[in-house]
């Protein structure tokens, strides 16, 4: 089988890179990581070697080249069906795709005011207009998925899916900014934090040099 190579941006700051990393790690397939340092004179040129959009993450798998986090995860789900990256039941699968797409395109206030910073601790910061509404919507979504589809395990749809990979960066934000959560959301947050792949990513993020813009 052709080698899988996942090209990533910063592990401390790049929520988009974390998502396909967790999905790929869940497949159990060996893969190579390439982390492109950001804020360097040659950053754009190095990213362009892998991504025609000029953005990361990107995936190389033989002749296949992908450069969007959701497209990468969809490809992994189709290529490695044994990983069950989507729920098997049609309604659950459709809802999982819907909540994943919502994360892919929504929650702009949360993204802008509570950017991912895994090693940071910023309690009380980021409470700008619109953020509380985003947090409330995310908790409502988590509660709905857990109550309707989560009986088979501790994740949104019981077992780990792409939906969990997409909300994992939000989990890290809730830790960084010390967001108060309801009981169901706290339990789900703690489940995601215990993922071995997320623990490995977090350790790497802590040892990563800070971006120049944050110095």
N, C-alpha and C. Protein backbone atom coordinates (compact mmCIF):
# COMPACT_ATOMS: atom_id res chain seq x y z
N UNK A 1 0.84 -1.19 0.00
CA UNK A 1 0.00 0.00 0.00
C UNK A 1 0.88 1.25 0.00
N UNK A 2 0.44 2.28 -0.71
CA UNK A 2 1.19 3.52 -0.78
C UNK A 2 1.29 4.18 0.59
N UNK A 3 2.37 4.91 0.80
CA UNK A 3 2.57 5.59 2.07
C UNK A 3 1.59 6.74 2.23
N UNK A 4 1.07 6.88 3.43
CA UNK A 4 0.23 8.00 3.79
C UNK A 4 1.11 9.08 4.41
N UNK A 5 0.99 10.29 3.90
CA UNK A 5 1.73 11.42 4.44
C UNK A 5 0.75 12.54 4.74
N UNK A 6 0.73 12.98 5.99
CA UNK A 6 -0.15 14.07 6.41
C UNK A 6 0.72 15.30 6.66
N UNK A 7 0.41 16.36 5.93
CA UNK A 7 1.18 17.60 6.05
C UNK A 7 0.39 18.56 6.91
N UNK A 8 1.02 19.02 7.98
CA UNK A 8 0.35 19.77 9.03
C UNK A 8 0.96 21.14 9.23
N UNK A 9 0.16 22.03 9.80
CA UNK A 9 0.67 23.31 10.30
C UNK A 9 0.94 23.15 11.80
N UNK A 10 0.99 24.23 12.51
CA UNK A 10 1.31 24.21 13.93
C UNK A 10 0.41 23.27 14.72
N UNK A 11 1.01 22.46 15.58
CA UNK A 11 0.20 21.59 16.43
C UNK A 11 -0.43 22.35 17.60
N UNK A 12 0.16 23.44 17.99
CA UNK A 12 -0.42 24.21 19.09
C UNK A 12 -1.60 25.05 18.62
N UNK A 13 -1.54 25.57 17.41
CA UNK A 13 -2.52 26.55 16.97
C UNK A 13 -3.45 26.08 15.85
N UNK A 14 -3.11 25.03 15.13
CA UNK A 14 -3.86 24.68 13.92
C UNK A 14 -4.97 23.66 14.20
N UNK A 15 -6.17 24.16 14.41
CA UNK A 15 -7.32 23.28 14.62
C UNK A 15 -7.62 22.46 13.38
N UNK A 16 -7.43 23.04 12.21
CA UNK A 16 -7.72 22.32 10.97
C UNK A 16 -6.79 21.13 10.79
N UNK A 17 -5.55 21.25 11.23
CA UNK A 17 -4.62 20.13 11.12
C UNK A 17 -4.95 19.01 12.10
N UNK A 18 -5.43 19.37 13.28
CA UNK A 18 -5.73 18.37 14.30
C UNK A 18 -6.83 17.41 13.84
N UNK A 19 -7.81 17.91 13.14
CA UNK A 19 -8.97 17.09 12.78
C UNK A 19 -8.59 15.85 11.96
N UNK A 20 -7.96 16.01 10.79
CA UNK A 20 -7.60 14.81 10.03
C UNK A 20 -6.54 13.96 10.70
N UNK A 21 -5.71 14.59 11.54
CA UNK A 21 -4.72 13.81 12.29
C UNK A 21 -5.42 12.79 13.19
N UNK A 22 -6.45 13.22 13.90
CA UNK A 22 -7.18 12.30 14.78
C UNK A 22 -7.89 11.22 13.98
N UNK A 23 -8.48 11.60 12.86
CA UNK A 23 -9.16 10.60 12.03
C UNK A 23 -8.18 9.58 11.48
N UNK A 24 -7.04 10.05 10.98
CA UNK A 24 -6.05 9.15 10.43
C UNK A 24 -5.46 8.26 11.51
N UNK A 25 -5.18 8.82 12.67
CA UNK A 25 -4.66 8.00 13.78
C UNK A 25 -5.66 6.91 14.15
N UNK A 26 -6.95 7.23 14.07
CA UNK A 26 -7.98 6.25 14.44
C UNK A 26 -8.03 5.08 13.47
N UNK A 27 -7.63 5.28 12.23
CA UNK A 27 -7.65 4.16 11.28
C UNK A 27 -6.66 3.07 11.65
N UNK A 28 -5.63 3.42 12.43
CA UNK A 28 -4.58 2.46 12.77
C UNK A 28 -3.54 2.28 11.68
N UNK A 29 -3.66 3.04 10.59
CA UNK A 29 -2.70 2.93 9.49
C UNK A 29 -1.42 3.71 9.82
N UNK A 30 -0.26 3.17 9.48
CA UNK A 30 0.97 3.95 9.66
C UNK A 30 0.97 5.15 8.71
N UNK A 31 1.48 6.26 9.18
CA UNK A 31 1.57 7.44 8.32
C UNK A 31 2.75 8.29 8.74
N UNK A 32 3.20 9.07 7.81
CA UNK A 32 4.31 10.00 8.04
C UNK A 32 3.75 11.40 8.23
N UNK A 33 4.32 12.13 9.16
CA UNK A 33 3.93 13.52 9.38
C UNK A 33 4.98 14.46 8.83
N UNK A 34 4.52 15.52 8.20
CA UNK A 34 5.38 16.64 7.82
C UNK A 34 4.76 17.89 8.43
N UNK A 35 5.47 18.54 9.32
CA UNK A 35 4.99 19.78 9.93
C UNK A 35 5.73 20.94 9.28
N UNK A 36 5.00 21.83 8.64
CA UNK A 36 5.59 22.99 7.98
C UNK A 36 5.63 24.15 8.97
N UNK A 37 6.80 24.62 9.35
CA UNK A 37 6.88 25.75 10.28
C UNK A 37 6.21 26.99 9.69
N UNK A 38 5.42 27.68 10.49
CA UNK A 38 4.71 28.86 10.05
C UNK A 38 5.51 30.13 10.36
N UNK A 39 5.12 31.22 9.74
CA UNK A 39 5.74 32.54 9.97
C UNK A 39 7.22 32.56 9.63
N UNK A 40 7.64 31.73 8.67
CA UNK A 40 9.01 31.75 8.20
C UNK A 40 9.04 32.31 6.78
N UNK A 41 10.19 32.81 6.33
CA UNK A 41 10.25 33.38 4.98
C UNK A 41 9.85 32.40 3.88
N UNK A 42 10.10 31.11 4.10
CA UNK A 42 9.80 30.13 3.07
C UNK A 42 8.53 29.33 3.35
N UNK A 43 7.72 29.79 4.32
CA UNK A 43 6.52 29.04 4.67
C UNK A 43 5.58 28.86 3.48
N UNK A 44 5.27 29.93 2.79
CA UNK A 44 4.32 29.85 1.67
C UNK A 44 4.83 28.91 0.59
N UNK A 45 6.11 28.99 0.30
CA UNK A 45 6.68 28.12 -0.74
C UNK A 45 6.64 26.67 -0.31
N UNK A 46 6.89 26.40 0.97
CA UNK A 46 6.86 25.01 1.45
C UNK A 46 5.44 24.46 1.45
N UNK A 47 4.46 25.27 1.83
CA UNK A 47 3.07 24.81 1.80
C UNK A 47 2.64 24.53 0.36
N UNK A 48 3.08 25.37 -0.56
CA UNK A 48 2.69 25.22 -1.97
C UNK A 48 3.19 23.90 -2.57
N UNK A 49 4.21 23.30 -1.97
CA UNK A 49 4.69 22.00 -2.46
C UNK A 49 3.64 20.90 -2.27
N UNK A 50 2.75 21.12 -1.31
CA UNK A 50 1.78 20.09 -0.95
C UNK A 50 0.33 20.49 -1.22
N UNK A 51 0.04 21.78 -1.21
CA UNK A 51 -1.34 22.24 -1.23
C UNK A 51 -1.53 23.34 -2.26
N UNK A 52 -2.33 23.12 -3.32
CA UNK A 52 -2.55 24.18 -4.31
C UNK A 52 -3.34 25.36 -3.76
N UNK A 53 -4.07 25.15 -2.65
CA UNK A 53 -4.82 26.24 -2.05
C UNK A 53 -3.94 27.15 -1.21
N UNK A 54 -2.71 26.70 -0.91
CA UNK A 54 -1.83 27.47 -0.05
C UNK A 54 -2.15 27.33 1.42
N UNK A 55 -2.96 26.32 1.75
CA UNK A 55 -3.35 26.10 3.14
C UNK A 55 -3.13 24.65 3.52
N UNK A 56 -2.96 24.44 4.82
CA UNK A 56 -2.82 23.09 5.37
C UNK A 56 -3.98 22.83 6.32
N UNK A 57 -4.30 21.54 6.51
CA UNK A 57 -3.53 20.33 6.22
C UNK A 57 -3.69 19.87 4.77
N UNK A 58 -2.84 18.89 4.43
CA UNK A 58 -2.92 18.21 3.15
C UNK A 58 -2.57 16.75 3.36
N UNK A 59 -3.05 15.91 2.47
CA UNK A 59 -2.78 14.48 2.54
C UNK A 59 -2.22 14.01 1.22
N UNK A 60 -1.16 13.20 1.27
CA UNK A 60 -0.64 12.51 0.10
C UNK A 60 -0.79 11.01 0.35
N UNK A 61 -1.37 10.32 -0.64
CA UNK A 61 -1.51 8.87 -0.56
C UNK A 61 -1.32 8.33 -1.97
N UNK A 62 -0.10 7.96 -2.29
CA UNK A 62 0.20 7.56 -3.65
C UNK A 62 -0.04 8.72 -4.60
N UNK A 63 -0.89 8.50 -5.60
CA UNK A 63 -1.20 9.55 -6.56
C UNK A 63 -2.27 10.52 -6.07
N UNK A 64 -2.86 10.23 -4.91
CA UNK A 64 -3.93 11.06 -4.36
C UNK A 64 -3.33 12.23 -3.59
N UNK A 65 -3.83 13.43 -3.86
CA UNK A 65 -3.40 14.63 -3.15
C UNK A 65 -4.64 15.42 -2.75
N UNK A 66 -4.82 15.64 -1.46
CA UNK A 66 -5.99 16.34 -0.94
C UNK A 66 -5.55 17.48 -0.03
N UNK A 67 -6.37 18.54 0.04
CA UNK A 67 -5.92 19.72 0.79
C UNK A 67 -7.06 20.40 1.56
N UNK A 68 -8.04 19.65 1.99
CA UNK A 68 -9.11 20.17 2.85
C UNK A 68 -9.37 19.16 3.95
N UNK A 69 -9.55 19.63 5.18
CA UNK A 69 -9.66 18.72 6.31
C UNK A 69 -10.85 17.77 6.19
N UNK A 70 -12.01 18.29 5.77
CA UNK A 70 -13.17 17.42 5.64
C UNK A 70 -13.02 16.45 4.48
N UNK A 71 -12.48 16.93 3.37
CA UNK A 71 -12.24 16.03 2.23
C UNK A 71 -11.27 14.91 2.61
N UNK A 72 -10.25 15.25 3.38
CA UNK A 72 -9.30 14.23 3.84
C UNK A 72 -10.01 13.19 4.69
N UNK A 73 -10.83 13.65 5.62
CA UNK A 73 -11.53 12.71 6.51
C UNK A 73 -12.51 11.83 5.73
N UNK A 74 -13.20 12.41 4.77
CA UNK A 74 -14.11 11.62 3.93
C UNK A 74 -13.33 10.55 3.15
N UNK A 75 -12.18 10.93 2.64
CA UNK A 75 -11.35 9.98 1.90
C UNK A 75 -10.90 8.83 2.81
N UNK A 76 -10.51 9.17 4.04
CA UNK A 76 -10.09 8.14 4.98
C UNK A 76 -11.25 7.19 5.32
N UNK A 77 -12.45 7.75 5.47
CA UNK A 77 -13.61 6.92 5.78
C UNK A 77 -13.89 5.94 4.65
N UNK A 78 -13.73 6.37 3.42
CA UNK A 78 -13.99 5.50 2.27
C UNK A 78 -12.86 4.51 2.04
N UNK A 79 -11.64 4.93 2.30
CA UNK A 79 -10.48 4.08 2.04
C UNK A 79 -10.29 3.02 3.11
N UNK A 80 -10.67 3.35 4.34
CA UNK A 80 -10.49 2.43 5.48
C UNK A 80 -11.83 2.23 6.19
N UNK A 81 -12.77 1.56 5.53
CA UNK A 81 -14.12 1.42 6.11
C UNK A 81 -14.13 0.68 7.43
N UNK A 82 -13.12 -0.15 7.68
CA UNK A 82 -13.08 -0.90 8.93
C UNK A 82 -12.91 0.02 10.14
N UNK A 83 -12.46 1.25 9.92
CA UNK A 83 -12.29 2.20 11.02
C UNK A 83 -13.61 2.79 11.48
N UNK A 84 -14.66 2.63 10.71
CA UNK A 84 -16.00 3.12 11.06
C UNK A 84 -15.98 4.61 11.40
N UNK A 85 -15.41 5.40 10.52
CA UNK A 85 -15.29 6.83 10.78
C UNK A 85 -16.62 7.58 10.62
N UNK A 86 -17.61 6.94 10.03
CA UNK A 86 -18.99 7.43 10.08
C UNK A 86 -19.86 6.34 10.72
N UNK A 87 -20.96 6.72 11.37
CA UNK A 87 -21.88 5.71 11.89
C UNK A 87 -22.44 4.84 10.75
N UNK A 88 -22.75 3.61 11.07
CA UNK A 88 -23.28 2.70 10.06
C UNK A 88 -24.75 2.98 9.76
N UNK A 89 -25.52 3.29 10.79
CA UNK A 89 -26.96 3.49 10.62
C UNK A 89 -27.20 4.78 9.82
N UNK A 90 -28.08 4.75 8.79
CA UNK A 90 -28.20 5.88 7.86
C UNK A 90 -28.58 7.21 8.51
N UNK A 91 -29.54 7.20 9.44
CA UNK A 91 -29.95 8.46 10.06
C UNK A 91 -28.81 9.02 10.91
N UNK A 92 -28.18 8.17 11.70
CA UNK A 92 -27.05 8.62 12.51
C UNK A 92 -25.93 9.15 11.63
N UNK A 93 -25.68 8.47 10.52
CA UNK A 93 -24.62 8.92 9.61
C UNK A 93 -24.95 10.28 9.01
N UNK A 94 -26.21 10.48 8.63
CA UNK A 94 -26.62 11.76 8.07
C UNK A 94 -26.49 12.88 9.10
N UNK A 95 -26.90 12.61 10.33
CA UNK A 95 -26.77 13.62 11.38
C UNK A 95 -25.30 13.90 11.67
N UNK A 96 -24.47 12.86 11.71
CA UNK A 96 -23.04 13.05 11.95
C UNK A 96 -22.43 13.93 10.88
N UNK A 97 -22.82 13.73 9.63
CA UNK A 97 -22.32 14.59 8.55
C UNK A 97 -22.82 16.02 8.72
N UNK A 98 -24.05 16.18 9.18
CA UNK A 98 -24.61 17.50 9.37
C UNK A 98 -23.88 18.28 10.46
N UNK A 99 -23.66 17.63 11.61
CA UNK A 99 -22.99 18.35 12.70
C UNK A 99 -21.52 18.61 12.36
N UNK A 100 -20.92 17.73 11.58
CA UNK A 100 -19.54 17.96 11.14
C UNK A 100 -19.48 19.14 10.18
N UNK A 101 -20.42 19.20 9.25
CA UNK A 101 -20.46 20.33 8.32
C UNK A 101 -20.72 21.63 9.05
N UNK A 102 -21.54 21.58 10.10
CA UNK A 102 -21.79 22.80 10.88
C UNK A 102 -20.49 23.29 11.53
N UNK A 103 -19.70 22.37 12.05
CA UNK A 103 -18.41 22.76 12.63
C UNK A 103 -17.48 23.30 11.55
N UNK A 104 -17.55 22.73 10.37
CA UNK A 104 -16.67 23.12 9.26
C UNK A 104 -16.95 24.55 8.81
N UNK A 105 -18.19 25.01 8.98
CA UNK A 105 -18.57 26.29 8.36
C UNK A 105 -19.10 27.34 9.33
N UNK A 106 -19.27 27.00 10.59
CA UNK A 106 -19.95 27.90 11.52
C UNK A 106 -19.06 28.27 12.71
N UNK A 107 -19.68 28.88 13.71
CA UNK A 107 -19.04 29.25 14.97
C UNK A 107 -17.90 30.25 14.77
N UNK A 108 -18.14 31.25 13.94
CA UNK A 108 -17.09 32.22 13.62
C UNK A 108 -16.70 33.05 14.84
N UNK A 109 -17.65 33.38 15.71
CA UNK A 109 -17.30 34.18 16.89
C UNK A 109 -16.35 33.40 17.80
N UNK A 110 -16.63 32.12 18.00
CA UNK A 110 -15.75 31.29 18.82
C UNK A 110 -14.37 31.17 18.19
N UNK A 111 -14.33 30.93 16.89
CA UNK A 111 -13.04 30.78 16.21
C UNK A 111 -12.18 32.04 16.34
N UNK A 112 -12.81 33.20 16.14
CA UNK A 112 -12.07 34.45 16.12
C UNK A 112 -11.60 34.88 17.51
N UNK A 113 -12.42 34.63 18.50
CA UNK A 113 -12.13 35.16 19.83
C UNK A 113 -11.53 34.15 20.80
N UNK A 114 -11.66 32.86 20.47
CA UNK A 114 -11.04 31.81 21.27
C UNK A 114 -10.24 30.89 20.35
N UNK A 115 -9.19 31.42 19.71
CA UNK A 115 -8.41 30.56 18.82
C UNK A 115 -7.74 29.43 19.58
N UNK A 116 -7.51 28.33 18.89
CA UNK A 116 -6.88 27.18 19.55
C UNK A 116 -5.47 27.55 20.01
N UNK A 117 -5.19 27.25 21.24
CA UNK A 117 -3.87 27.47 21.84
C UNK A 117 -3.74 26.42 22.94
N UNK A 118 -3.31 25.24 22.55
CA UNK A 118 -3.38 24.08 23.44
C UNK A 118 -2.59 24.30 24.72
N UNK A 119 -1.40 24.87 24.63
CA UNK A 119 -0.59 25.03 25.84
C UNK A 119 -0.95 26.28 26.63
N UNK A 120 -1.80 27.14 26.05
CA UNK A 120 -2.19 28.37 26.74
C UNK A 120 -3.25 28.12 27.80
N UNK A 121 -3.30 28.98 28.79
CA UNK A 121 -4.36 28.98 29.79
C UNK A 121 -4.82 30.42 29.94
N UNK A 122 -6.06 30.69 29.48
CA UNK A 122 -6.56 32.06 29.39
C UNK A 122 -7.98 32.15 29.96
N UNK A 123 -8.15 31.81 31.22
CA UNK A 123 -9.50 31.83 31.81
C UNK A 123 -10.09 33.23 31.75
N UNK A 124 -11.36 33.27 31.34
CA UNK A 124 -12.08 34.54 31.29
C UNK A 124 -11.88 35.33 30.02
N UNK A 125 -10.91 34.97 29.19
CA UNK A 125 -10.68 35.70 27.96
C UNK A 125 -11.59 35.19 26.84
N UNK A 126 -11.72 36.00 25.80
CA UNK A 126 -12.43 35.59 24.60
C UNK A 126 -13.94 35.71 24.66
N UNK A 127 -14.47 36.34 25.71
CA UNK A 127 -15.94 36.41 25.84
C UNK A 127 -16.50 37.60 25.06
N UNK A 128 -16.32 37.58 23.77
CA UNK A 128 -16.81 38.65 22.90
C UNK A 128 -18.25 38.37 22.49
N UNK A 129 -18.93 39.36 21.90
CA UNK A 129 -20.30 39.12 21.43
C UNK A 129 -20.37 37.94 20.47
N UNK A 130 -21.35 37.11 20.68
CA UNK A 130 -21.54 35.95 19.82
C UNK A 130 -20.90 34.68 20.33
N UNK A 131 -19.90 34.79 21.20
CA UNK A 131 -19.19 33.60 21.67
C UNK A 131 -20.09 32.76 22.58
N UNK A 132 -20.81 33.39 23.48
CA UNK A 132 -21.69 32.64 24.37
C UNK A 132 -22.74 31.86 23.58
N UNK A 133 -23.25 32.46 22.52
CA UNK A 133 -24.23 31.79 21.68
C UNK A 133 -23.62 30.58 20.98
N UNK A 134 -22.39 30.72 20.51
CA UNK A 134 -21.71 29.58 19.89
C UNK A 134 -21.49 28.45 20.89
N UNK A 135 -21.07 28.81 22.10
CA UNK A 135 -20.85 27.79 23.13
C UNK A 135 -22.15 27.08 23.47
N UNK A 136 -23.23 27.84 23.58
CA UNK A 136 -24.52 27.23 23.90
C UNK A 136 -24.97 26.29 22.78
N UNK A 137 -24.76 26.69 21.53
CA UNK A 137 -25.15 25.84 20.40
C UNK A 137 -24.34 24.55 20.39
N UNK A 138 -23.06 24.64 20.65
CA UNK A 138 -22.21 23.45 20.66
C UNK A 138 -22.65 22.49 21.76
N UNK A 139 -22.93 23.02 22.94
CA UNK A 139 -23.38 22.14 24.02
C UNK A 139 -24.73 21.50 23.70
N UNK A 140 -25.63 22.26 23.09
CA UNK A 140 -26.92 21.69 22.70
C UNK A 140 -26.73 20.58 21.68
N UNK A 141 -25.82 20.81 20.75
CA UNK A 141 -25.53 19.80 19.73
C UNK A 141 -24.95 18.54 20.36
N UNK A 142 -23.98 18.71 21.26
CA UNK A 142 -23.38 17.56 21.94
C UNK A 142 -24.44 16.79 22.73
N UNK A 143 -25.29 17.50 23.45
CA UNK A 143 -26.33 16.84 24.23
C UNK A 143 -27.29 16.07 23.34
N UNK A 144 -27.66 16.66 22.22
CA UNK A 144 -28.59 16.00 21.31
C UNK A 144 -27.98 14.73 20.73
N UNK A 145 -26.74 14.81 20.27
CA UNK A 145 -26.08 13.62 19.70
C UNK A 145 -25.91 12.53 20.74
N UNK A 146 -25.50 12.91 21.93
CA UNK A 146 -25.29 11.90 22.98
C UNK A 146 -26.61 11.22 23.36
N UNK A 147 -27.69 11.99 23.44
CA UNK A 147 -28.96 11.39 23.87
C UNK A 147 -29.59 10.54 22.78
N UNK A 148 -29.42 10.93 21.52
CA UNK A 148 -30.08 10.22 20.42
C UNK A 148 -29.24 9.07 19.86
N UNK A 149 -27.92 9.23 19.86
CA UNK A 149 -27.07 8.27 19.15
C UNK A 149 -25.90 7.73 19.97
N UNK A 150 -25.74 8.17 21.20
CA UNK A 150 -24.54 7.86 21.94
C UNK A 150 -24.61 6.68 22.88
N UNK A 151 -25.63 5.84 22.74
CA UNK A 151 -25.80 4.75 23.71
C UNK A 151 -24.69 3.71 23.64
N UNK A 152 -24.03 3.59 22.51
CA UNK A 152 -23.03 2.53 22.36
C UNK A 152 -21.64 2.86 22.84
N UNK A 153 -21.44 4.05 23.41
CA UNK A 153 -20.11 4.44 23.86
C UNK A 153 -20.10 5.89 24.29
N UNK A 154 -18.93 6.44 24.62
CA UNK A 154 -18.87 7.77 25.22
C UNK A 154 -18.75 8.93 24.23
N UNK A 155 -18.72 8.63 22.92
CA UNK A 155 -18.55 9.68 21.92
C UNK A 155 -19.90 10.16 21.41
N UNK A 156 -19.90 11.14 20.52
CA UNK A 156 -21.15 11.74 20.06
C UNK A 156 -22.10 10.71 19.47
N UNK A 157 -21.54 9.75 18.74
CA UNK A 157 -22.35 8.71 18.11
C UNK A 157 -21.99 7.32 18.65
N UNK A 158 -21.62 7.29 19.90
CA UNK A 158 -21.22 6.05 20.56
C UNK A 158 -19.74 5.79 20.37
N UNK A 159 -19.36 5.30 19.20
CA UNK A 159 -17.95 5.10 18.90
C UNK A 159 -17.36 6.35 18.24
N UNK A 160 -16.05 6.43 18.19
CA UNK A 160 -15.36 7.59 17.62
C UNK A 160 -15.70 7.73 16.14
N UNK A 161 -16.01 8.96 15.71
CA UNK A 161 -16.29 9.25 14.31
C UNK A 161 -15.61 10.56 13.91
N UNK A 162 -15.77 10.90 12.65
CA UNK A 162 -15.24 12.17 12.15
C UNK A 162 -15.84 13.34 12.91
N UNK A 163 -17.08 13.22 13.34
CA UNK A 163 -17.69 14.30 14.12
C UNK A 163 -16.87 14.60 15.37
N UNK A 164 -16.39 13.57 16.05
CA UNK A 164 -15.54 13.79 17.23
C UNK A 164 -14.22 14.44 16.85
N UNK A 165 -13.64 14.02 15.74
CA UNK A 165 -12.40 14.64 15.28
C UNK A 165 -12.61 16.13 15.02
N UNK A 166 -13.77 16.50 14.50
CA UNK A 166 -14.02 17.90 14.17
C UNK A 166 -14.29 18.75 15.40
N UNK A 167 -14.84 18.15 16.44
CA UNK A 167 -15.10 18.94 17.65
C UNK A 167 -13.96 18.88 18.67
N UNK A 168 -12.95 18.06 18.41
CA UNK A 168 -11.82 17.98 19.34
C UNK A 168 -11.12 19.33 19.54
N UNK A 169 -10.89 20.14 18.49
CA UNK A 169 -10.28 21.44 18.74
C UNK A 169 -11.14 22.34 19.63
N UNK A 170 -12.45 22.20 19.56
CA UNK A 170 -13.33 22.96 20.45
C UNK A 170 -13.12 22.52 21.89
N UNK A 171 -12.96 21.22 22.09
CA UNK A 171 -12.67 20.70 23.42
C UNK A 171 -11.42 21.37 23.98
N UNK A 172 -10.37 21.47 23.17
CA UNK A 172 -9.14 22.10 23.66
C UNK A 172 -9.36 23.59 23.96
N UNK A 173 -10.19 24.25 23.18
CA UNK A 173 -10.51 25.66 23.45
C UNK A 173 -11.22 25.80 24.79
N UNK A 174 -12.15 24.89 25.06
CA UNK A 174 -12.89 24.99 26.31
C UNK A 174 -11.97 24.82 27.51
N UNK A 175 -10.90 24.05 27.35
CA UNK A 175 -9.91 23.93 28.41
C UNK A 175 -9.08 25.21 28.51
N UNK A 176 -8.59 25.68 27.38
CA UNK A 176 -7.73 26.87 27.37
C UNK A 176 -8.42 28.07 28.00
N UNK A 177 -9.70 28.27 27.66
CA UNK A 177 -10.41 29.46 28.10
C UNK A 177 -11.32 29.19 29.30
N UNK A 178 -11.20 28.00 29.89
CA UNK A 178 -11.91 27.63 31.11
C UNK A 178 -13.41 27.88 30.98
N UNK A 179 -13.99 27.28 29.95
CA UNK A 179 -15.42 27.47 29.69
C UNK A 179 -16.22 26.53 30.57
N UNK A 180 -17.21 27.07 31.26
CA UNK A 180 -18.09 26.26 32.11
C UNK A 180 -19.06 25.49 31.24
N UNK A 181 -19.19 24.20 31.49
CA UNK A 181 -20.01 23.33 30.66
C UNK A 181 -21.04 22.58 31.51
N UNK A 182 -22.11 22.14 30.84
CA UNK A 182 -23.09 21.30 31.53
C UNK A 182 -22.50 19.90 31.73
N UNK A 183 -23.21 19.06 32.48
CA UNK A 183 -22.67 17.76 32.88
C UNK A 183 -22.38 16.86 31.67
N UNK A 184 -23.29 16.81 30.71
CA UNK A 184 -23.07 15.97 29.53
C UNK A 184 -21.87 16.45 28.74
N UNK A 185 -21.76 17.75 28.56
CA UNK A 185 -20.65 18.31 27.79
C UNK A 185 -19.32 18.13 28.51
N UNK A 186 -19.32 18.23 29.84
CA UNK A 186 -18.09 17.98 30.60
C UNK A 186 -17.63 16.55 30.42
N UNK A 187 -18.57 15.61 30.50
CA UNK A 187 -18.21 14.20 30.34
C UNK A 187 -17.65 13.95 28.94
N UNK A 188 -18.28 14.55 27.94
CA UNK A 188 -17.80 14.38 26.57
C UNK A 188 -16.43 15.02 26.40
N UNK A 189 -16.25 16.22 26.93
CA UNK A 189 -14.94 16.87 26.90
C UNK A 189 -13.86 15.96 27.47
N UNK A 190 -14.12 15.38 28.62
CA UNK A 190 -13.13 14.53 29.27
C UNK A 190 -12.85 13.27 28.45
N UNK A 191 -13.86 12.74 27.79
CA UNK A 191 -13.66 11.57 26.92
C UNK A 191 -12.70 11.90 25.79
N UNK A 192 -12.91 13.04 25.14
CA UNK A 192 -12.06 13.43 24.03
C UNK A 192 -10.63 13.69 24.50
N UNK A 193 -10.49 14.32 25.64
CA UNK A 193 -9.15 14.62 26.16
C UNK A 193 -8.34 13.36 26.46
N UNK A 194 -9.03 12.24 26.68
CA UNK A 194 -8.35 10.99 26.97
C UNK A 194 -7.95 10.21 25.72
N UNK A 195 -8.28 10.69 24.55
CA UNK A 195 -7.87 10.01 23.33
C UNK A 195 -6.34 9.94 23.26
N UNK A 196 -5.75 8.77 23.09
CA UNK A 196 -4.29 8.69 23.01
C UNK A 196 -3.70 9.57 21.92
N UNK A 197 -4.37 9.66 20.78
CA UNK A 197 -3.86 10.50 19.69
C UNK A 197 -3.86 11.97 20.07
N UNK A 198 -4.89 12.40 20.80
CA UNK A 198 -4.93 13.79 21.23
C UNK A 198 -3.87 14.06 22.29
N UNK A 199 -3.63 13.09 23.16
CA UNK A 199 -2.57 13.26 24.16
C UNK A 199 -1.20 13.39 23.48
N UNK A 200 -0.96 12.59 22.45
CA UNK A 200 0.31 12.67 21.73
C UNK A 200 0.44 14.02 21.04
N UNK A 201 -0.64 14.47 20.42
CA UNK A 201 -0.64 15.77 19.74
C UNK A 201 -0.37 16.89 20.76
N UNK A 202 -1.03 16.82 21.92
CA UNK A 202 -0.88 17.84 22.95
C UNK A 202 0.55 17.92 23.45
N UNK A 203 1.18 16.77 23.63
CA UNK A 203 2.57 16.76 24.07
C UNK A 203 3.47 17.43 23.04
N UNK A 204 3.23 17.15 21.77
CA UNK A 204 4.02 17.79 20.72
C UNK A 204 3.75 19.29 20.69
N UNK A 205 2.50 19.70 20.91
CA UNK A 205 2.16 21.12 20.91
C UNK A 205 2.90 21.87 22.03
N UNK A 206 3.03 21.22 23.17
CA UNK A 206 3.71 21.87 24.29
C UNK A 206 5.19 22.09 24.02
N UNK A 207 5.77 21.25 23.18
CA UNK A 207 7.20 21.35 22.88
C UNK A 207 7.50 22.13 21.60
N UNK A 208 6.47 22.65 20.98
CA UNK A 208 6.63 23.36 19.71
C UNK A 208 7.07 24.81 19.97
N UNK A 209 8.00 25.32 19.18
CA UNK A 209 8.38 26.73 19.35
C UNK A 209 7.18 27.66 19.10
N UNK A 210 7.05 28.72 19.86
CA UNK A 210 5.93 29.64 19.65
C UNK A 210 6.06 30.36 18.32
N UNK A 211 4.93 30.70 17.73
CA UNK A 211 4.95 31.50 16.51
C UNK A 211 5.45 32.89 16.82
N UNK A 212 6.14 33.48 15.86
CA UNK A 212 6.71 34.81 16.06
C UNK A 212 5.65 35.84 16.39
N UNK A 213 4.44 35.66 15.82
CA UNK A 213 3.39 36.64 16.05
C UNK A 213 2.93 36.67 17.51
N UNK A 214 3.24 35.58 18.26
CA UNK A 214 2.83 35.49 19.66
C UNK A 214 3.96 35.81 20.63
N UNK A 215 5.13 36.09 20.11
CA UNK A 215 6.26 36.40 21.00
C UNK A 215 6.13 37.81 21.57
